[in-house]
Protein backbone atom coordinates (compact mmCIF):
# COMPACT_ATOMS: atom_id res chain seq x y z
CA MET A 1 -77.63 -60.22 -172.55
CA SER A 2 -75.66 -56.96 -172.79
CA ASN A 3 -75.70 -54.05 -170.40
CA PHE A 4 -75.19 -50.38 -171.31
CA TYR A 5 -74.51 -47.49 -168.90
CA LEU A 6 -74.11 -43.74 -169.33
CA LEU A 7 -71.04 -42.20 -167.71
CA SER A 8 -69.45 -38.78 -167.57
CA SER A 9 -66.20 -38.03 -169.37
CA LEU A 10 -64.40 -38.20 -166.02
CA GLU A 11 -64.58 -41.98 -165.65
CA LYS A 12 -61.83 -44.37 -166.71
CA VAL A 13 -63.32 -47.80 -167.38
CA LEU A 14 -60.82 -50.61 -166.97
CA PRO A 15 -61.79 -53.72 -168.93
CA ARG A 16 -61.93 -56.09 -165.96
CA LYS A 17 -61.94 -53.80 -162.92
CA TYR A 18 -64.81 -51.37 -163.01
CA GLU A 19 -68.05 -51.00 -161.11
CA VAL A 20 -70.86 -48.71 -162.25
CA VAL A 21 -71.94 -46.78 -159.17
CA LYS A 22 -74.42 -44.49 -160.86
CA GLU A 23 -75.23 -43.27 -164.32
CA HIS A 24 -74.58 -39.75 -165.56
CA THR A 25 -77.55 -38.82 -167.73
CA GLU A 26 -77.64 -35.05 -168.07
CA GLN A 27 -75.47 -31.99 -168.19
CA THR A 28 -75.66 -28.25 -168.74
CA ALA A 29 -73.30 -26.33 -170.99
CA LEU A 30 -72.67 -22.92 -172.47
CA LEU A 31 -73.26 -22.22 -176.14
CA GLY A 32 -70.23 -23.29 -178.13
CA GLU A 33 -69.07 -25.67 -175.41
CA ARG A 34 -67.87 -29.14 -176.33
CA VAL A 35 -69.59 -31.87 -174.29
CA SER A 36 -68.38 -35.46 -173.98
CA PHE A 37 -69.89 -38.44 -172.23
CA GLN A 38 -69.39 -42.19 -172.37
CA ILE A 39 -71.45 -45.34 -172.77
CA THR A 40 -69.78 -48.36 -171.26
CA TYR A 41 -71.04 -51.83 -172.06
CA LYS A 42 -70.40 -55.54 -171.65
CA SER A 43 -72.16 -58.85 -172.14
CA GLU A 44 -72.85 -61.20 -169.23
CA LYS A 45 -73.25 -64.95 -168.86
CA GLU A 46 -72.40 -65.60 -172.47
CA TRP A 47 -69.12 -66.55 -174.07
CA THR A 48 -70.08 -65.41 -177.52
CA LYS A 49 -69.30 -61.95 -178.86
CA ARG A 50 -72.21 -59.81 -179.96
CA THR A 51 -72.19 -57.11 -182.61
CA TYR A 52 -74.54 -54.13 -182.40
CA ASN A 53 -75.29 -51.49 -184.98
CA VAL A 54 -75.04 -48.02 -183.43
CA SER A 55 -77.15 -45.04 -184.46
CA VAL A 56 -77.70 -41.54 -183.11
CA SER A 57 -81.07 -39.84 -182.90
CA SER A 58 -80.84 -36.21 -181.79
CA PRO A 59 -81.47 -32.63 -182.92
CA LEU A 60 -77.72 -32.30 -182.30
CA GLY A 61 -76.95 -35.13 -184.72
CA LYS A 62 -74.72 -33.16 -187.08
CA TYR A 63 -72.53 -32.10 -184.16
CA ILE A 64 -72.00 -35.59 -182.74
CA THR A 65 -69.02 -37.89 -183.20
CA LEU A 66 -68.53 -41.40 -181.84
CA ARG A 67 -65.16 -42.79 -180.83
CA ASP A 68 -64.12 -46.09 -179.33
CA VAL A 69 -62.07 -45.94 -176.16
CA LYS A 70 -59.05 -48.19 -176.68
CA ASN A 71 -56.71 -49.52 -174.01
CA VAL A 72 -52.95 -49.09 -173.93
CA PRO A 73 -50.25 -50.68 -171.76
CA ALA A 74 -49.28 -48.70 -168.67
CA GLU A 75 -46.21 -50.63 -167.61
CA PHE A 76 -44.88 -47.74 -165.56
CA PRO A 77 -47.97 -46.14 -164.01
CA ALA A 78 -46.11 -44.22 -161.30
CA TYR A 79 -42.67 -43.65 -159.83
CA TYR A 80 -41.99 -46.33 -157.25
CA ASP A 81 -40.71 -43.84 -154.69
CA LYS A 82 -42.68 -40.71 -155.56
CA HIS A 83 -46.42 -41.15 -155.66
CA ASP A 84 -49.46 -40.65 -153.45
CA ASP A 85 -52.54 -42.82 -152.96
CA ASP A 86 -54.64 -41.07 -155.62
CA TYR A 87 -53.79 -43.31 -158.58
CA ILE A 88 -56.26 -45.76 -160.09
CA THR A 89 -53.53 -48.38 -159.96
CA LEU A 90 -49.84 -48.68 -159.18
CA ASP A 91 -49.57 -52.01 -160.96
CA ALA A 92 -48.52 -52.48 -164.56
CA THR A 93 -51.71 -53.03 -166.50
CA ILE A 94 -53.70 -51.82 -169.49
CA MET A 95 -55.70 -48.60 -169.20
CA PRO A 96 -58.21 -46.73 -171.39
CA ASP A 97 -56.63 -43.84 -173.26
CA ILE A 98 -56.97 -43.72 -177.06
CA LEU A 99 -60.10 -42.23 -178.60
CA MET A 100 -60.26 -43.95 -181.97
CA PRO A 101 -62.91 -42.86 -184.48
CA ASN A 102 -65.73 -45.37 -184.80
CA THR A 103 -65.89 -45.72 -188.57
CA THR A 104 -68.21 -48.74 -188.80
CA ASP A 105 -71.17 -47.57 -186.70
CA THR A 106 -70.93 -50.83 -184.83
CA ILE A 107 -69.64 -52.05 -181.48
CA GLU A 108 -68.81 -55.53 -180.24
CA THR A 109 -69.46 -56.76 -176.72
CA VAL A 110 -67.25 -59.36 -175.09
CA TYR A 111 -68.09 -61.61 -172.18
CA GLU A 112 -67.42 -59.86 -168.86
CA GLU A 113 -65.16 -57.22 -170.42
CA TRP A 114 -66.05 -53.57 -170.28
CA ARG A 115 -65.73 -51.62 -173.51
CA THR A 116 -66.63 -47.98 -173.94
CA LEU A 117 -68.02 -45.64 -176.58
CA TRP A 118 -67.03 -41.96 -176.31
CA VAL A 119 -69.64 -39.48 -177.50
CA THR A 120 -68.74 -35.86 -178.25
CA VAL A 121 -71.09 -33.01 -179.09
CA GLU A 122 -69.29 -30.08 -180.70
CA PRO A 123 -71.78 -27.38 -181.70
CA ASP A 124 -71.14 -24.48 -184.02
CA GLU A 125 -72.27 -20.89 -183.51
CA GLY A 126 -75.64 -21.60 -185.05
CA LEU A 127 -76.92 -23.69 -182.14
CA ALA A 128 -79.64 -22.01 -180.10
CA ALA A 129 -80.11 -22.36 -176.37
CA GLY A 130 -82.41 -25.19 -175.36
CA VAL A 131 -82.71 -28.69 -174.00
CA TYR A 132 -81.48 -31.38 -176.37
CA PRO A 133 -81.80 -35.15 -176.00
CA VAL A 134 -79.07 -37.36 -177.45
CA LYS A 135 -80.37 -40.89 -178.04
CA ILE A 136 -77.82 -43.61 -178.81
CA VAL A 137 -79.44 -46.81 -180.11
CA PHE A 138 -77.79 -50.24 -180.12
CA GLU A 139 -79.42 -52.96 -182.23
CA GLY A 140 -78.31 -56.58 -182.21
CA ASP A 141 -79.69 -60.08 -182.55
CA ASP A 142 -80.77 -60.04 -178.89
CA GLY A 143 -82.77 -56.84 -179.15
CA ARG A 144 -82.71 -53.07 -179.24
CA PHE A 145 -81.18 -50.98 -176.48
CA GLU A 146 -81.12 -47.23 -176.16
CA LYS A 147 -79.54 -44.69 -173.85
CA VAL A 148 -80.62 -41.06 -173.69
CA PHE A 149 -78.33 -38.25 -172.52
CA THR A 150 -79.77 -34.75 -172.13
CA ILE A 151 -77.81 -31.53 -172.64
CA LYS A 152 -79.19 -28.14 -171.69
CA TYR A 153 -77.40 -25.37 -173.54
CA ILE A 154 -78.02 -22.15 -171.66
CA ASN A 155 -78.27 -18.79 -173.43
CA ALA A 156 -74.71 -17.64 -172.78
CA ARG A 157 -71.72 -18.25 -175.00
CA LEU A 158 -68.48 -19.79 -173.76
CA PRO A 159 -65.83 -17.03 -173.96
CA GLU A 160 -62.74 -17.43 -176.08
CA GLN A 161 -59.85 -19.07 -174.22
CA LYS A 162 -57.57 -16.48 -172.60
CA LEU A 163 -54.99 -18.88 -171.17
CA LYS A 164 -51.83 -19.25 -173.20
CA PHE A 165 -51.33 -23.02 -173.44
CA THR A 166 -48.42 -24.94 -174.90
CA GLN A 167 -47.60 -28.60 -175.05
CA TRP A 168 -44.28 -28.94 -176.75
CA PHE A 169 -44.59 -29.88 -180.39
CA HIS A 170 -42.01 -32.42 -181.58
CA GLY A 171 -41.99 -32.39 -185.37
CA ASP A 172 -38.98 -34.68 -185.63
CA CYS A 173 -40.89 -37.42 -183.79
CA ILE A 174 -43.52 -37.30 -186.52
CA ALA A 175 -40.98 -37.93 -189.28
CA THR A 176 -39.32 -40.69 -187.28
CA TYR A 177 -42.56 -42.48 -186.40
CA TYR A 178 -43.83 -42.56 -189.98
CA GLY A 179 -40.39 -43.25 -191.46
CA ILE A 180 -40.58 -40.29 -193.82
CA GLU A 181 -38.10 -37.69 -194.97
CA MET A 182 -37.96 -34.49 -192.95
CA PHE A 183 -39.85 -31.71 -194.74
CA SER A 184 -41.04 -33.99 -197.50
CA GLU A 185 -44.57 -33.29 -198.71
CA GLU A 186 -45.84 -36.17 -196.61
CA HIS A 187 -44.08 -34.73 -193.55
CA TRP A 188 -45.69 -31.34 -194.13
CA LYS A 189 -49.09 -33.02 -194.35
CA ARG A 190 -48.43 -34.85 -191.08
CA LEU A 191 -47.20 -31.66 -189.40
CA GLU A 192 -50.44 -29.98 -190.41
CA ASP A 193 -52.50 -32.88 -189.01
CA PHE A 194 -50.75 -32.61 -185.65
CA ILE A 195 -50.98 -28.80 -185.52
CA LYS A 196 -54.70 -28.92 -186.35
CA THR A 197 -55.30 -31.46 -183.58
CA ALA A 198 -53.20 -29.44 -181.13
CA VAL A 199 -55.34 -26.34 -181.67
CA HIS A 200 -58.51 -28.44 -181.40
CA GLY A 201 -57.33 -29.38 -177.92
CA GLY A 202 -56.77 -25.78 -176.83
CA ILE A 203 -53.06 -25.49 -177.60
CA ASN A 204 -52.64 -21.94 -178.87
CA THR A 205 -48.86 -21.62 -178.47
CA ILE A 206 -46.61 -23.77 -180.67
CA LEU A 207 -42.98 -24.66 -180.01
CA THR A 208 -41.38 -23.54 -183.27
CA PRO A 209 -38.13 -25.31 -184.27
CA VAL A 210 -36.24 -22.49 -185.93
CA VAL A 211 -33.33 -24.73 -184.92
CA THR A 212 -33.58 -28.31 -183.67
CA PRO A 213 -34.88 -27.92 -180.10
CA PRO A 214 -32.17 -28.85 -177.54
CA LEU A 215 -34.66 -30.73 -175.36
CA ASP A 216 -34.50 -34.25 -173.90
CA THR A 217 -31.31 -35.00 -175.79
CA ALA A 218 -28.51 -37.03 -174.23
CA VAL A 219 -25.34 -35.04 -173.65
CA GLY A 220 -23.29 -35.59 -176.78
CA GLY A 221 -26.29 -36.95 -178.68
CA GLU A 222 -28.39 -35.51 -181.46
CA ARG A 223 -32.03 -35.48 -182.43
CA PRO A 224 -32.94 -35.56 -186.13
CA THR A 225 -32.50 -32.15 -187.72
CA ILE A 226 -35.80 -30.27 -187.85
CA GLN A 227 -34.42 -26.81 -188.45
CA LEU A 228 -36.98 -24.54 -190.10
CA VAL A 229 -34.47 -21.82 -190.97
CA ASP A 230 -32.03 -22.69 -193.74
CA MET A 231 -28.63 -21.23 -192.96
CA THR A 232 -25.37 -20.60 -194.76
CA PHE A 233 -22.02 -19.91 -193.17
CA LYS A 234 -19.48 -18.89 -195.78
CA GLY A 235 -16.54 -16.53 -195.54
CA GLY A 236 -17.26 -16.04 -191.87
CA LYS A 237 -20.71 -14.62 -192.59
CA TRP A 238 -24.16 -15.98 -191.82
CA GLY A 239 -27.10 -16.05 -194.19
CA PHE A 240 -30.68 -17.13 -193.52
CA LYS A 241 -33.66 -18.26 -195.60
CA PHE A 242 -37.12 -18.49 -194.08
CA ASP A 243 -39.14 -20.44 -196.64
CA LYS A 244 -39.74 -23.47 -194.40
CA LEU A 245 -40.47 -21.27 -191.42
CA ASP A 246 -43.03 -19.36 -193.46
CA ARG A 247 -44.77 -22.58 -194.46
CA PHE A 248 -44.87 -23.63 -190.81
CA ILE A 249 -46.21 -20.22 -189.75
CA ASP A 250 -48.90 -20.35 -192.43
CA ILE A 251 -50.15 -23.72 -191.20
CA CYS A 252 -50.23 -22.48 -187.62
CA LEU A 253 -52.12 -19.29 -188.52
CA LYS A 254 -54.57 -21.29 -190.64
CA TYR A 255 -55.74 -23.16 -187.55
CA GLY A 256 -55.66 -20.27 -185.11
CA VAL A 257 -52.32 -20.47 -183.31
CA LYS A 258 -51.84 -17.28 -181.27
CA HIS A 259 -48.18 -17.47 -180.21
CA PHE A 260 -44.91 -18.83 -181.60
CA GLU A 261 -42.64 -20.24 -178.92
CA ILE A 262 -39.11 -20.10 -180.35
CA ALA A 263 -36.96 -23.15 -179.62
CA HIS A 264 -34.53 -22.75 -176.72
CA LEU A 265 -31.33 -20.91 -177.58
CA PHE A 266 -29.14 -23.01 -175.24
CA THR A 267 -29.06 -26.58 -174.01
CA GLN A 268 -31.01 -28.02 -171.12
CA TRP A 269 -29.52 -28.83 -167.68
CA GLY A 270 -27.39 -25.76 -167.19
CA ALA A 271 -27.15 -23.78 -170.45
CA TYR A 272 -23.54 -24.87 -170.81
CA TYR A 273 -23.66 -25.71 -174.52
CA THR A 274 -25.22 -24.71 -177.81
CA PRO A 275 -28.17 -26.24 -179.65
CA LYS A 276 -27.71 -28.23 -182.82
CA VAL A 277 -27.37 -25.81 -185.75
CA VAL A 278 -26.58 -26.91 -189.29
CA ALA A 279 -25.53 -24.66 -192.15
CA GLU A 280 -24.36 -24.86 -195.73
CA THR A 281 -20.61 -24.15 -195.85
CA GLU A 282 -17.89 -24.20 -198.49
CA GLU A 283 -17.48 -27.91 -197.64
CA GLY A 284 -21.21 -28.67 -197.83
CA LEU A 285 -23.87 -29.05 -195.16
CA LYS A 286 -22.26 -29.22 -191.71
CA ARG A 287 -23.27 -29.15 -188.07
CA ILE A 288 -21.78 -25.93 -186.73
CA PHE A 289 -22.99 -25.98 -183.12
CA GLY A 290 -23.99 -28.63 -180.61
CA TRP A 291 -22.80 -30.26 -177.40
CA ASP A 292 -19.18 -29.76 -178.44
CA VAL A 293 -19.43 -25.94 -178.49
CA ALA A 294 -19.60 -23.97 -175.25
CA SER A 295 -22.50 -21.59 -174.82
CA ASP A 296 -20.19 -18.66 -174.13
CA SER A 297 -18.00 -19.21 -177.19
CA LYS A 298 -17.26 -16.25 -179.43
CA GLU A 299 -18.46 -18.22 -182.46
CA TYR A 300 -21.90 -18.70 -180.95
CA ALA A 301 -22.10 -15.06 -179.86
CA ASP A 302 -21.37 -14.01 -183.45
CA TYR A 303 -24.09 -16.38 -184.66
CA ILE A 304 -26.64 -15.02 -182.17
CA ASP A 305 -25.78 -11.47 -183.20
CA ALA A 306 -26.60 -12.39 -186.79
CA PHE A 307 -29.49 -14.81 -186.30
CA LEU A 308 -31.77 -13.15 -183.75
CA PRO A 309 -32.01 -9.77 -185.56
CA ALA A 310 -32.70 -11.59 -188.85
CA LEU A 311 -35.34 -13.83 -187.25
CA ILE A 312 -37.13 -10.97 -185.53
CA SER A 313 -36.96 -8.84 -188.66
CA HIS A 314 -38.65 -11.63 -190.60
CA PHE A 315 -41.47 -11.92 -188.07
CA LYS A 316 -41.83 -8.14 -188.19
CA SER A 317 -42.10 -8.26 -191.97
CA ARG A 318 -45.06 -10.59 -191.50
CA LYS A 319 -46.50 -8.30 -188.81
CA ILE A 320 -46.61 -11.09 -186.24
CA ASP A 321 -43.59 -10.35 -184.07
CA ASP A 322 -45.99 -9.58 -181.22
CA MET A 323 -46.75 -13.33 -181.18
CA LEU A 324 -43.18 -14.31 -180.25
CA ILE A 325 -42.05 -16.02 -177.04
CA PHE A 326 -38.36 -16.79 -176.47
CA HIS A 327 -36.54 -19.29 -174.24
CA VAL A 328 -32.97 -19.34 -172.96
CA SER A 329 -32.57 -22.76 -171.28
CA ASP A 330 -35.08 -25.19 -169.79
CA GLU A 331 -35.38 -25.70 -166.01
CA PRO A 332 -32.29 -23.93 -164.68
CA THR A 333 -31.48 -24.26 -160.97
CA ASP A 334 -29.36 -22.22 -158.57
CA ALA A 335 -26.37 -24.34 -159.59
CA HIS A 336 -26.69 -22.83 -163.07
CA LEU A 337 -26.94 -19.17 -162.11
CA GLU A 338 -23.59 -18.22 -163.56
CA SER A 339 -23.96 -20.00 -166.90
CA TYR A 340 -27.58 -18.95 -167.30
CA SER A 341 -26.65 -15.32 -166.53
CA LYS A 342 -24.03 -15.32 -169.28
CA CYS A 343 -26.46 -16.80 -171.79
CA LYS A 344 -29.22 -14.40 -170.88
CA ALA A 345 -26.85 -11.45 -171.28
CA LEU A 346 -25.81 -12.73 -174.70
CA VAL A 347 -29.33 -12.68 -176.10
CA SER A 348 -30.96 -9.88 -174.09
CA LYS A 349 -29.74 -7.03 -176.28
CA HIS A 350 -31.72 -8.54 -179.17
CA LEU A 351 -34.88 -9.42 -177.21
CA GLU A 352 -35.79 -6.15 -175.54
CA GLY A 353 -39.56 -5.80 -175.57
CA TYR A 354 -40.15 -9.50 -176.26
CA ARG A 355 -41.36 -12.11 -173.81
CA VAL A 356 -38.44 -14.24 -172.60
CA THR A 357 -39.50 -17.09 -170.35
CA ASP A 358 -38.27 -20.38 -168.96
CA ALA A 359 -39.60 -23.23 -166.87
CA LEU A 360 -38.08 -23.18 -163.39
CA THR A 361 -38.75 -24.01 -159.76
CA GLN A 362 -36.50 -21.62 -157.84
CA TYR A 363 -37.60 -18.08 -156.98
CA SER A 364 -34.05 -16.73 -157.12
CA PHE A 365 -34.16 -16.64 -160.93
CA TYR A 366 -37.10 -14.25 -160.81
CA GLU A 367 -35.86 -12.31 -157.80
CA ASN A 368 -32.57 -11.37 -159.44
CA GLY A 369 -34.22 -10.49 -162.75
CA LEU A 370 -32.86 -13.37 -164.80
CA VAL A 371 -36.32 -14.68 -165.73
CA GLU A 372 -38.84 -11.86 -165.88
CA HIS A 373 -41.65 -14.20 -166.98
CA PRO A 374 -41.27 -17.48 -165.09
CA VAL A 375 -43.10 -20.72 -165.88
CA VAL A 376 -43.19 -22.42 -162.48
CA GLY A 377 -43.73 -26.03 -161.50
CA ILE A 378 -46.99 -26.29 -159.57
CA ASP A 379 -45.18 -27.88 -156.62
CA HIS A 380 -42.99 -24.76 -156.26
CA ILE A 381 -45.38 -22.03 -157.32
CA MET A 382 -46.76 -20.77 -154.01
CA PRO A 383 -43.82 -18.42 -153.20
CA PHE A 384 -44.34 -16.77 -156.59
CA ILE A 385 -48.07 -16.43 -155.92
CA GLU A 386 -47.58 -15.10 -152.40
CA LYS A 387 -45.19 -12.45 -153.72
CA LYS A 388 -47.72 -11.53 -156.41
CA VAL A 389 -45.50 -12.19 -159.43
CA PRO A 390 -47.49 -10.75 -162.35
CA ASP A 391 -48.43 -12.61 -165.52
CA LEU A 392 -47.45 -15.94 -163.96
CA TRP A 393 -47.35 -19.21 -165.91
CA ALA A 394 -47.44 -22.71 -164.44
CA TYR A 395 -46.34 -26.15 -165.61
CA TYR A 396 -46.29 -29.77 -164.65
CA CYS A 397 -44.34 -32.72 -165.97
CA CYS A 398 -43.17 -36.08 -164.60
CA ALA A 399 -41.79 -34.48 -161.43
CA GLN A 400 -45.21 -33.32 -160.21
CA SER A 401 -46.27 -36.88 -159.44
CA ASN A 402 -47.23 -36.84 -155.75
CA ASP A 403 -48.80 -34.63 -153.05
CA TYR A 404 -52.09 -34.88 -155.02
CA LEU A 405 -50.83 -32.39 -157.59
CA SER A 406 -52.88 -32.13 -160.73
CA ASN A 407 -51.48 -34.13 -163.64
CA ARG A 408 -52.60 -36.32 -166.50
CA PHE A 409 -50.77 -39.63 -166.18
CA ILE A 410 -52.71 -42.54 -167.65
CA ALA A 411 -53.05 -44.23 -164.24
CA GLN A 412 -54.47 -41.13 -162.55
CA PRO A 413 -58.21 -40.43 -162.31
CA SER A 414 -59.55 -37.85 -164.76
CA TYR A 415 -60.72 -35.45 -162.05
CA ARG A 416 -57.06 -34.99 -161.15
CA ASN A 417 -56.52 -33.78 -164.71
CA ARG A 418 -59.52 -31.45 -164.90
CA ILE A 419 -59.20 -29.92 -161.41
CA ILE A 420 -56.40 -27.70 -162.71
CA ALA A 421 -59.01 -25.19 -163.91
CA THR A 422 -59.97 -24.22 -160.36
CA GLN A 423 -56.33 -23.65 -159.45
CA LEU A 424 -55.41 -21.68 -162.56
CA PHE A 425 -58.44 -19.46 -162.03
CA LYS A 426 -58.00 -18.84 -158.31
CA TYR A 427 -54.33 -17.93 -158.60
CA TYR A 428 -54.49 -15.68 -161.71
CA ILE A 429 -52.31 -18.01 -163.82
CA THR A 430 -52.06 -16.65 -167.39
CA GLY A 431 -50.22 -19.49 -169.14
CA PHE A 432 -49.70 -23.24 -168.84
CA LEU A 433 -47.00 -25.55 -170.19
CA GLN A 434 -46.74 -29.32 -170.43
CA TRP A 435 -43.81 -30.73 -172.37
CA GLY A 436 -45.24 -33.84 -174.01
CA TYR A 437 -47.67 -33.28 -176.85
CA ASN A 438 -46.14 -35.91 -179.13
CA PHE A 439 -42.74 -37.07 -177.85
CA TYR A 440 -42.32 -40.53 -179.40
CA TYR A 441 -38.72 -41.12 -178.32
CA SER A 442 -37.17 -42.69 -175.28
CA GLN A 443 -35.81 -40.51 -172.52
CA PHE A 444 -32.84 -38.51 -173.87
CA SER A 445 -34.00 -39.29 -177.44
CA THR A 446 -31.68 -42.27 -177.79
CA HIS A 447 -34.21 -44.30 -179.83
CA PRO A 448 -37.79 -44.12 -181.09
CA ILE A 449 -40.67 -45.83 -179.32
CA ASP A 450 -44.04 -47.10 -180.48
CA PRO A 451 -46.60 -45.09 -178.46
CA TYR A 452 -49.15 -47.88 -178.80
CA ARG A 453 -46.83 -50.26 -176.97
CA GLU A 454 -44.68 -48.01 -174.78
CA THR A 455 -46.39 -45.11 -173.00
CA GLY A 456 -43.57 -44.10 -170.65
CA ALA A 457 -40.64 -43.14 -172.92
CA ASP A 458 -39.12 -46.58 -172.38
CA MET A 459 -39.94 -46.83 -168.65
CA ALA A 460 -38.50 -43.38 -167.88
CA PHE A 461 -41.61 -41.33 -167.05
CA PRO A 462 -45.02 -42.28 -165.68
CA SER A 463 -47.16 -43.59 -168.52
CA GLY A 464 -48.77 -40.75 -170.45
CA ASP A 465 -46.35 -38.01 -169.43
CA SER A 466 -44.53 -37.84 -172.75
CA PHE A 467 -47.44 -37.58 -175.18
CA SER A 468 -51.15 -36.77 -175.30
CA VAL A 469 -52.05 -37.82 -178.85
CA TYR A 470 -51.43 -40.90 -180.98
CA PRO A 471 -50.24 -41.04 -184.61
CA THR A 472 -52.64 -42.91 -186.88
CA LYS A 473 -52.52 -44.03 -190.47
CA ASP A 474 -54.78 -41.20 -191.59
CA GLY A 475 -54.15 -38.51 -189.00
CA VAL A 476 -54.06 -38.10 -185.23
CA ALA A 477 -56.08 -39.75 -182.45
CA GLU A 478 -56.69 -37.74 -179.29
CA SER A 479 -56.28 -39.35 -175.90
CA LEU A 480 -59.07 -39.07 -173.38
CA ARG A 481 -56.52 -37.20 -171.21
CA PHE A 482 -56.15 -34.59 -173.96
CA VAL A 483 -59.93 -34.18 -174.19
CA VAL A 484 -60.39 -33.95 -170.41
CA PHE A 485 -57.74 -31.21 -170.20
CA TYR A 486 -59.64 -29.32 -172.87
CA GLU A 487 -62.71 -29.62 -170.64
CA ALA A 488 -60.64 -27.96 -167.92
CA LEU A 489 -59.91 -25.10 -170.33
CA GLN A 490 -63.66 -24.76 -170.90
CA ASP A 491 -64.23 -24.73 -167.13
CA LEU A 492 -61.70 -21.92 -166.84
CA SER A 493 -63.51 -19.87 -169.48
CA ALA A 494 -66.82 -20.48 -167.69
CA PHE A 495 -65.31 -19.30 -164.39
CA GLU A 496 -64.04 -16.17 -166.14
CA LEU A 497 -67.49 -15.48 -167.61
CA LEU A 498 -69.14 -15.80 -164.20
CA ALA A 499 -66.50 -13.51 -162.67
CA SER A 500 -67.28 -10.90 -165.34
CA LEU A 501 -70.96 -11.08 -164.37
CA THR A 502 -70.26 -11.01 -160.62
CA THR A 503 -66.73 -10.73 -159.21
CA LYS A 504 -63.62 -12.86 -159.05
CA ASP A 505 -64.00 -13.25 -155.28
CA GLU A 506 -67.60 -14.41 -155.57
CA THR A 507 -66.62 -16.99 -158.17
CA VAL A 508 -63.78 -18.34 -156.03
CA LYS A 509 -66.21 -18.44 -153.10
CA LEU A 510 -68.60 -20.59 -155.14
CA ILE A 511 -65.75 -22.91 -156.16
CA GLU A 512 -64.66 -23.38 -152.55
CA GLU A 513 -68.12 -23.54 -150.98
CA THR A 514 -69.02 -26.30 -153.43
CA ALA A 515 -65.78 -28.03 -152.50
CA GLY A 516 -66.34 -27.56 -148.78
CA MET A 517 -62.68 -26.63 -148.46
CA THR A 518 -60.01 -24.16 -149.51
CA ILE A 519 -58.64 -25.03 -152.94
CA ASP A 520 -54.92 -25.04 -153.62
CA PHE A 521 -52.60 -27.10 -155.81
CA SER A 522 -52.68 -30.13 -153.50
CA ASN A 523 -56.04 -29.73 -151.78
CA TYR A 524 -59.33 -30.24 -153.57
CA PRO A 525 -62.16 -32.82 -153.48
CA LYS A 526 -60.87 -36.10 -154.90
CA SER A 527 -64.06 -36.63 -156.83
CA ALA A 528 -65.49 -36.37 -160.33
CA ASP A 529 -68.83 -35.50 -158.76
CA TYR A 530 -67.37 -32.27 -157.38
CA ILE A 531 -66.32 -31.02 -160.80
CA LEU A 532 -69.64 -31.94 -162.40
CA GLU A 533 -71.60 -30.30 -159.58
CA LEU A 534 -69.39 -27.21 -159.69
CA ARG A 535 -69.97 -26.71 -163.41
CA ARG A 536 -73.71 -27.19 -162.90
CA LYS A 537 -73.70 -24.44 -160.26
CA VAL A 538 -71.48 -22.12 -162.30
CA ASN A 539 -73.76 -22.49 -165.31
CA GLU A 540 -76.81 -21.95 -163.11
CA GLU A 541 -75.34 -18.72 -161.75
CA ILE A 542 -74.45 -17.52 -165.25
CA GLU A 543 -77.98 -18.28 -166.44
CA LYS A 544 -79.46 -16.17 -163.61
CA ARG A 545 -77.45 -13.14 -164.72
CA ILE A 546 -77.91 -13.08 -168.47
């Protein structure tokens, strides 16, 4: 005998440690909204495996995809000394994370082990408002089982995403994982696969490696060269070719990327050194800059004076320079004020009128004008909010691991991932950054890792922090964390629609009245039910006003 249960997308079903409390059988949505739910199943009192053919019967059939939820090891679920009590587990275990396409239209039940089927409905613009049943049928030698999930699409369209969202894109990791030559035709195909998937998940801002990004690289070490701009340095003069950059831009524009985030112009952890830059010289291809060249060197200043005008001129020639975002150095602190100030002064004369932004936690960098557009860790953001810093971005990474802060570690419940929408909306956040879209190296990039076996950058970061998608033979597999964050982006757009029909204050009031508490970055209902009920109420209020 096998049992089947309908669940929302906000459940994480561990194979041996899960209890179905109640089924989730219906949901409302806006036109154009992507809806996911799960069917978890197991066989009882039998040692034999059972195979079931799976079929879908629904007016929404052409919009429906089925994926199997696969488990991955979470050997490092949380920092030992920096966590709260809102993790599913603190023990090394396996956890559900990969959404792998179900290509056989079958599932297999195993004795007393939960397995899960992920169902996604992704309608196009032609879908009309209405109530739609989705019937999933399982047929095996012990009978026929069916589960019916009902979606009510109300007559209001989900607005286009306003939030600028970046998860840092690591093109070198793609070449390394597949063992292919950088910028070979196969690499370009893989880059396109990953960019397409990124945009599908709401990423509209792409880290663009005009030079090899100086991120997560051991001092003195190097990451593989993924420099999109070909450079020459002969007779003391710089030359630049943009063919590879153009190909990269074309792929991004094809899938709807809105902003190009130019790789950082100085190293991490203080802006003391220069990024890796290679150029063709009289002696052949050579590395010109890197950890061995100080950031305030005359040679690098001369390079910046040649490179930045040429780069911006090229984007202008393509009429997309208004899509540019620049970085100086990642996560500076007060200890780096002097070095960061020098670096900022070096590039500022070329970047007037362009957005220059960096991730930081200390208000002093904004207060003294060094970072006009800060991207602030959510555990340090309240002073920026209280002082009404305009056009504010937020970020989280491994450091935001306790105090109930929103994050997307594999061992955290999915409501902790999706709750971010209420916080971004309430506090007028205009952009969001998370560093690990596809980082398949160890910490400091000293060696590659297999993301199917090692989910914490070789036990450096809580599992899931360093990547949100998985490389497959034929493309890219999304994680359920990636999909749930996209649901948060949809929530945010729904909140914005309701605010346009009422007011911002009324929408925040509904969010907090439903919560029964004041929402901030650490305080919110620790419950999937809250998010599901909130979206039901938001959709109900929108429906009343259209």
